N, C-alpha and C. Protein backbone atom coordinates (compact mmCIF):
# COMPACT_ATOMS: atom_id res chain seq x y z
N GLY A 1 -4.78 11.08 1.32
CA GLY A 1 -4.31 12.44 1.25
C GLY A 1 -5.38 13.48 1.51
N GLY A 2 -6.63 13.06 1.75
CA GLY A 2 -7.69 14.04 1.99
C GLY A 2 -7.80 15.00 0.82
N TYR A 3 -8.10 16.26 1.11
CA TYR A 3 -8.29 17.20 0.00
C TYR A 3 -6.96 17.66 -0.60
N LEU A 4 -5.81 17.20 -0.07
CA LEU A 4 -4.51 17.52 -0.65
C LEU A 4 -3.98 16.41 -1.55
N GLN A 5 -4.78 15.39 -1.81
CA GLN A 5 -4.27 14.22 -2.52
C GLN A 5 -3.74 14.52 -3.92
N ASN A 6 -4.22 15.53 -4.59
CA ASN A 6 -3.76 15.83 -5.94
C ASN A 6 -2.81 17.02 -6.00
N ILE A 7 -2.37 17.48 -4.84
CA ILE A 7 -1.45 18.62 -4.77
C ILE A 7 -0.02 18.09 -4.80
N PRO A 8 0.86 18.63 -5.67
CA PRO A 8 2.25 18.19 -5.70
C PRO A 8 2.92 18.34 -4.33
N GLU A 9 3.77 17.38 -4.01
CA GLU A 9 4.40 17.31 -2.69
C GLU A 9 5.08 18.61 -2.27
N LYS A 10 5.78 19.28 -3.18
CA LYS A 10 6.49 20.50 -2.79
C LYS A 10 5.54 21.57 -2.27
N TYR A 11 4.32 21.61 -2.79
CA TYR A 11 3.36 22.61 -2.33
C TYR A 11 2.76 22.22 -0.98
N VAL A 12 2.59 20.93 -0.75
CA VAL A 12 2.07 20.48 0.54
C VAL A 12 3.01 20.93 1.65
N ASP A 13 4.30 20.76 1.43
CA ASP A 13 5.31 21.17 2.42
C ASP A 13 5.41 22.70 2.51
N ASP A 14 5.58 23.37 1.36
CA ASP A 14 5.80 24.82 1.35
C ASP A 14 4.59 25.63 1.83
N PHE A 15 3.42 25.31 1.30
CA PHE A 15 2.25 26.14 1.58
C PHE A 15 1.40 25.67 2.77
N PHE A 16 1.38 24.35 2.99
CA PHE A 16 0.54 23.82 4.06
C PHE A 16 1.36 23.43 5.30
N LYS A 17 2.68 23.54 5.18
CA LYS A 17 3.61 23.27 6.29
C LYS A 17 3.41 21.87 6.87
N LEU A 18 3.19 20.90 6.00
CA LEU A 18 3.04 19.51 6.42
C LEU A 18 4.26 18.74 5.93
N LYS A 19 5.19 18.48 6.81
CA LYS A 19 6.42 17.76 6.45
C LYS A 19 6.08 16.34 6.05
N ASN A 20 6.77 15.84 5.05
CA ASN A 20 6.53 14.50 4.55
C ASN A 20 7.24 13.47 5.44
N ASN A 21 6.47 12.88 6.33
CA ASN A 21 6.99 11.80 7.16
C ASN A 21 5.85 10.85 7.49
N ASN A 22 6.17 9.78 8.15
CA ASN A 22 5.19 8.72 8.43
C ASN A 22 4.05 9.18 9.35
N GLU A 23 4.30 10.23 10.14
CA GLU A 23 3.31 10.70 11.11
C GLU A 23 2.40 11.79 10.55
N ARG A 24 2.73 12.30 9.38
CA ARG A 24 1.95 13.42 8.82
C ARG A 24 0.49 13.04 8.68
N GLU A 25 -0.40 13.86 9.22
CA GLU A 25 -1.83 13.65 9.06
C GLU A 25 -2.35 14.67 8.06
N TYR A 26 -2.96 14.16 7.02
CA TYR A 26 -3.51 15.03 6.00
C TYR A 26 -4.85 15.60 6.47
N PRO A 27 -5.12 16.86 6.15
CA PRO A 27 -6.45 17.41 6.47
C PRO A 27 -7.52 16.59 5.76
N ASP A 28 -8.50 16.15 6.50
CA ASP A 28 -9.59 15.34 5.96
C ASP A 28 -9.09 14.02 5.36
N GLY A 29 -8.00 13.48 5.94
CA GLY A 29 -7.41 12.23 5.48
C GLY A 29 -6.81 11.48 6.65
N GLU A 30 -5.79 10.66 6.40
CA GLU A 30 -5.14 9.90 7.46
C GLU A 30 -3.63 9.95 7.29
N SER A 31 -2.90 9.62 8.34
CA SER A 31 -1.45 9.57 8.26
C SER A 31 -1.02 8.28 7.57
N ASN A 32 0.19 8.29 7.04
CA ASN A 32 0.73 7.08 6.42
C ASN A 32 0.81 5.95 7.45
N LYS A 33 1.20 6.29 8.67
CA LYS A 33 1.32 5.28 9.72
C LYS A 33 -0.03 4.62 10.00
N PHE A 34 -1.08 5.41 10.12
CA PHE A 34 -2.41 4.85 10.36
C PHE A 34 -2.85 3.98 9.19
N MET A 35 -2.60 4.43 7.96
CA MET A 35 -2.95 3.66 6.77
C MET A 35 -2.24 2.31 6.79
N GLN A 36 -0.95 2.32 7.10
CA GLN A 36 -0.18 1.07 7.12
C GLN A 36 -0.73 0.11 8.18
N GLU A 37 -1.05 0.62 9.35
CA GLU A 37 -1.61 -0.23 10.41
C GLU A 37 -2.95 -0.81 10.00
N ARG A 38 -3.78 0.01 9.36
CA ARG A 38 -5.09 -0.43 8.91
C ARG A 38 -4.97 -1.51 7.84
N VAL A 39 -4.05 -1.32 6.90
CA VAL A 39 -3.85 -2.27 5.81
C VAL A 39 -3.33 -3.61 6.34
N ILE A 40 -2.34 -3.56 7.23
CA ILE A 40 -1.75 -4.80 7.74
C ILE A 40 -2.77 -5.56 8.60
N SER A 41 -3.56 -4.84 9.34
CA SER A 41 -4.61 -5.48 10.14
C SER A 41 -5.58 -6.24 9.23
N SER A 42 -5.97 -5.63 8.13
CA SER A 42 -6.85 -6.29 7.17
C SER A 42 -6.14 -7.46 6.48
N LEU A 43 -4.89 -7.24 6.08
CA LEU A 43 -4.14 -8.29 5.39
C LEU A 43 -4.04 -9.55 6.24
N LYS A 44 -3.81 -9.39 7.51
CA LYS A 44 -3.68 -10.56 8.40
C LYS A 44 -4.93 -11.42 8.36
N LYS A 45 -6.09 -10.82 8.17
CA LYS A 45 -7.34 -11.57 8.07
C LYS A 45 -7.39 -12.41 6.79
N TYR A 46 -6.70 -11.96 5.75
CA TYR A 46 -6.75 -12.64 4.45
C TYR A 46 -5.63 -13.63 4.23
N LEU A 47 -4.57 -13.58 5.01
CA LEU A 47 -3.42 -14.45 4.74
C LEU A 47 -3.78 -15.92 4.81
N ASP A 48 -4.62 -16.33 5.74
CA ASP A 48 -5.05 -17.73 5.79
C ASP A 48 -5.88 -18.10 4.57
N LEU A 49 -6.70 -17.19 4.09
CA LEU A 49 -7.47 -17.46 2.87
C LEU A 49 -6.56 -17.68 1.67
N ILE A 50 -5.49 -16.89 1.61
CA ILE A 50 -4.55 -16.98 0.49
C ILE A 50 -3.91 -18.36 0.43
N LYS A 51 -3.75 -19.01 1.57
CA LYS A 51 -3.15 -20.34 1.59
C LYS A 51 -4.01 -21.36 0.84
N ASN A 52 -5.32 -21.17 0.81
CA ASN A 52 -6.23 -22.18 0.30
C ASN A 52 -6.97 -21.81 -0.97
N GLN A 53 -6.98 -20.54 -1.34
CA GLN A 53 -7.76 -20.15 -2.50
C GLN A 53 -7.25 -18.83 -3.07
N ASN A 54 -7.71 -18.51 -4.25
CA ASN A 54 -7.36 -17.24 -4.86
C ASN A 54 -8.33 -16.17 -4.38
N ILE A 55 -7.79 -15.02 -4.06
CA ILE A 55 -8.64 -13.88 -3.75
C ILE A 55 -8.06 -12.66 -4.46
N ALA A 56 -8.90 -11.70 -4.73
CA ALA A 56 -8.45 -10.45 -5.35
C ALA A 56 -8.71 -9.32 -4.38
N ILE A 57 -7.72 -8.47 -4.23
CA ILE A 57 -7.86 -7.28 -3.40
C ILE A 57 -7.44 -6.11 -4.28
N ILE A 58 -8.34 -5.16 -4.45
CA ILE A 58 -8.07 -4.00 -5.28
C ILE A 58 -7.73 -2.82 -4.37
N THR A 59 -6.62 -2.16 -4.66
CA THR A 59 -6.20 -1.04 -3.81
C THR A 59 -5.29 -0.12 -4.61
N HIS A 60 -4.66 0.82 -3.94
CA HIS A 60 -3.76 1.74 -4.61
C HIS A 60 -2.33 1.55 -4.10
N LEU A 61 -1.42 2.38 -4.53
CA LEU A 61 0.01 2.17 -4.31
C LEU A 61 0.42 2.14 -2.85
N GLY A 62 -0.11 3.01 -2.02
CA GLY A 62 0.28 3.05 -0.60
C GLY A 62 0.08 1.71 0.10
N PRO A 63 -1.13 1.13 0.02
CA PRO A 63 -1.34 -0.18 0.62
C PRO A 63 -0.48 -1.29 -0.01
N ILE A 64 -0.25 -1.24 -1.31
CA ILE A 64 0.62 -2.24 -1.94
C ILE A 64 2.00 -2.19 -1.32
N LEU A 65 2.55 -1.00 -1.13
CA LEU A 65 3.87 -0.86 -0.52
C LEU A 65 3.87 -1.31 0.93
N ALA A 66 2.78 -1.05 1.66
CA ALA A 66 2.68 -1.50 3.05
C ALA A 66 2.67 -3.02 3.13
N VAL A 67 1.94 -3.68 2.23
CA VAL A 67 1.89 -5.14 2.20
C VAL A 67 3.27 -5.71 1.86
N ALA A 68 3.92 -5.14 0.86
CA ALA A 68 5.25 -5.61 0.46
C ALA A 68 6.23 -5.50 1.62
N LYS A 69 6.19 -4.38 2.31
CA LYS A 69 7.10 -4.19 3.45
C LYS A 69 6.80 -5.22 4.55
N TYR A 70 5.53 -5.45 4.83
CA TYR A 70 5.15 -6.42 5.86
C TYR A 70 5.62 -7.82 5.50
N LEU A 71 5.56 -8.18 4.21
CA LEU A 71 6.00 -9.50 3.76
C LEU A 71 7.48 -9.55 3.42
N ASN A 72 8.22 -8.48 3.75
CA ASN A 72 9.67 -8.38 3.54
C ASN A 72 10.08 -8.46 2.08
N TYR A 73 9.30 -7.82 1.22
CA TYR A 73 9.65 -7.73 -0.19
C TYR A 73 10.00 -6.29 -0.52
N LYS A 74 11.03 -6.13 -1.32
CA LYS A 74 11.39 -4.81 -1.83
C LYS A 74 10.88 -4.75 -3.27
N ILE A 75 10.00 -3.81 -3.54
CA ILE A 75 9.44 -3.68 -4.89
C ILE A 75 9.61 -2.24 -5.38
N PRO A 76 10.81 -1.88 -5.76
CA PRO A 76 11.08 -0.48 -6.12
C PRO A 76 10.42 -0.01 -7.40
N ASN A 77 10.03 -0.92 -8.27
CA ASN A 77 9.51 -0.51 -9.57
C ASN A 77 7.99 -0.53 -9.67
N VAL A 78 7.30 -0.76 -8.58
CA VAL A 78 5.84 -0.79 -8.64
C VAL A 78 5.31 0.64 -8.82
N LYS A 79 4.30 0.78 -9.67
CA LYS A 79 3.72 2.09 -9.96
C LYS A 79 2.21 2.00 -9.83
N ASN A 80 1.57 3.16 -9.87
CA ASN A 80 0.11 3.17 -9.88
C ASN A 80 -0.40 2.34 -11.06
N LEU A 81 -1.49 1.64 -10.84
CA LEU A 81 -2.15 0.75 -11.79
C LEU A 81 -1.42 -0.58 -11.96
N ASP A 82 -0.30 -0.78 -11.26
CA ASP A 82 0.31 -2.09 -11.20
C ASP A 82 -0.45 -2.88 -10.14
N GLY A 83 -0.21 -4.15 -10.07
CA GLY A 83 -0.86 -4.98 -9.07
C GLY A 83 0.13 -5.98 -8.50
N ILE A 84 -0.25 -6.60 -7.42
CA ILE A 84 0.56 -7.66 -6.85
C ILE A 84 -0.31 -8.89 -6.66
N VAL A 85 0.33 -10.03 -6.75
CA VAL A 85 -0.32 -11.30 -6.46
C VAL A 85 0.46 -11.95 -5.33
N ILE A 86 -0.26 -12.35 -4.30
CA ILE A 86 0.37 -13.01 -3.16
C ILE A 86 -0.02 -14.48 -3.21
N THR A 87 0.97 -15.34 -3.17
CA THR A 87 0.72 -16.78 -3.14
C THR A 87 1.41 -17.37 -1.91
N TYR A 88 1.03 -18.57 -1.59
CA TYR A 88 1.62 -19.27 -0.45
C TYR A 88 2.26 -20.55 -0.97
N VAL A 89 3.60 -20.58 -0.97
CA VAL A 89 4.36 -21.70 -1.53
C VAL A 89 5.44 -22.09 -0.53
N ASP A 90 5.56 -23.38 -0.27
CA ASP A 90 6.60 -23.88 0.64
C ASP A 90 6.57 -23.17 2.00
N LYS A 91 5.36 -22.97 2.51
CA LYS A 91 5.15 -22.35 3.81
C LYS A 91 5.66 -20.92 3.90
N LYS A 92 5.70 -20.25 2.73
CA LYS A 92 6.10 -18.84 2.67
C LYS A 92 5.16 -18.09 1.73
N TYR A 93 4.91 -16.84 2.07
CA TYR A 93 4.14 -15.98 1.18
C TYR A 93 5.07 -15.40 0.14
N LYS A 94 4.67 -15.50 -1.11
CA LYS A 94 5.45 -14.96 -2.22
C LYS A 94 4.67 -13.82 -2.84
N LEU A 95 5.39 -12.84 -3.31
CA LEU A 95 4.76 -11.66 -3.89
C LEU A 95 5.28 -11.47 -5.30
N LYS A 96 4.39 -11.23 -6.25
CA LYS A 96 4.77 -11.01 -7.63
C LYS A 96 4.09 -9.75 -8.14
N ILE A 97 4.83 -8.93 -8.85
CA ILE A 97 4.29 -7.69 -9.42
C ILE A 97 3.74 -7.98 -10.82
N HIS A 98 2.57 -7.40 -11.10
CA HIS A 98 2.00 -7.44 -12.44
C HIS A 98 1.89 -6.00 -12.91
N LYS A 99 2.59 -5.68 -13.98
CA LYS A 99 2.60 -4.31 -14.50
C LYS A 99 1.28 -3.96 -15.17
N LYS A 100 0.79 -2.78 -14.85
CA LYS A 100 -0.45 -2.23 -15.42
C LYS A 100 -1.56 -3.28 -15.44
N LEU A 101 -1.84 -3.81 -14.26
CA LEU A 101 -2.86 -4.82 -14.10
C LEU A 101 -4.24 -4.29 -14.48
N ILE A 102 -4.45 -3.02 -14.20
CA ILE A 102 -5.74 -2.39 -14.52
C ILE A 102 -5.49 -1.36 -15.62
N HIS A 103 -6.20 -1.46 -16.71
CA HIS A 103 -6.00 -0.54 -17.85
C HIS A 103 -7.10 0.47 -17.91
């Protein structure tokens, strides 16, 4: 979100005229689309590792949602400070939510 990351959404739209969509580029930040592409590119590098060992990836809500979407999981109840665990079982990636993983 750049320097607008802590500004409530209604003010971003009303005062900064930045419509909330996937293409919106934040001043001194990145668009949601670019973030999703960056996250999925990195995730693809780790998926083979996940098949053979445990790894931890620490991130925030936007990347978690991008990963879930890429793995075809709907996780409507995930919130900030929650976490996800990705496992590889029966030749499929599984995703599990852990509530308030970081306290």
